[in-house]
Amino acid sequence: MPPGAIDILHEDDAVVAVSKPPGETVIPARGDPPETCLRRRLETQLGRRLWVVHRIDRDASGLVVFALSAGAHRALSLAFEHRQVEKTYVAFVAGPLEPGRGRIDVALRAARKGKTRPARPDEPGRREALTEYTVQARWDRGGSVISLVEARPRTGRPHQIRVHLRSTGAPLLFDPLYGRGLMPPDLDGAPCARLALHARQLDLPAPRGDGRLVLEAPLATDLQQLHDWLDTHWTRGARPADPD
């Protein structure tokens, strides 16, 4: 693959799936040159027009799918709108996150400066939000705990996973919006210092109507390095028990 080329994970006559690098926006961001966003770079690489179906946070890495035609775009947009798409993320969080498997059912609403926060009961602008999670691994060091979490958002609110995990007392590692002042003290030397969130898998209806399409992006290199660093410098603990 040429230097700077985008890693294409899947391509057919309806969609193209790629692995988004951290630090890159899916569509042009205010103040950034438009040609540096993922969509524009991929259009240049493929030499064709793309339709944006969904987005992930700028500092997150992982799977992003684009439509290759207006018809595929309509079909996929409806699938996302009607919650027919199953999304799976990988997150490294600061905290034990008990129990080992659960549901975070916390309504959210927009806040100032592009942020999201938990909503109060009956508050205007309140939107229901649900995230299911499973703790996959846990490390500890000097009383600090880091957990590796698989998160499956059942709704699609802005910053949903980040705010939901923060609401449990287990914010994402290196989250500049929701994790300030809450990071463990023993992360000096960690090989990753960006938002520790990765879009790993999408299970969605095939746009042509022939079954489902399951797409997956391997863990980003810096997050895999973080995983290996934790195994080396922290103590791997037992995965917490699931609720009865």
Foldseek 3Di string as FASTA:
>chain_A
DDPPDWAWFDDDQWKTKTKFAAQAWQADDPPDDRCRHPQNRVCVVVVAHWAAQDTDDRRAIEIGMITRDPLSSVLSNVCQVVLVKKWKKKFKWWDQDPDQWDKQWFWWAADPPRDIETDDPPDPRTDTWMKIKGFDWWWDDPHIIMTIMMIITSHDDVCRVQRSCVVSVIGTALDPPRCPPSHDPPCPPQQDRTGGMYGFWMWHQRSVRDGIDITGDPRDPSNVSNVVVRVVPTGIDDRHDDDD
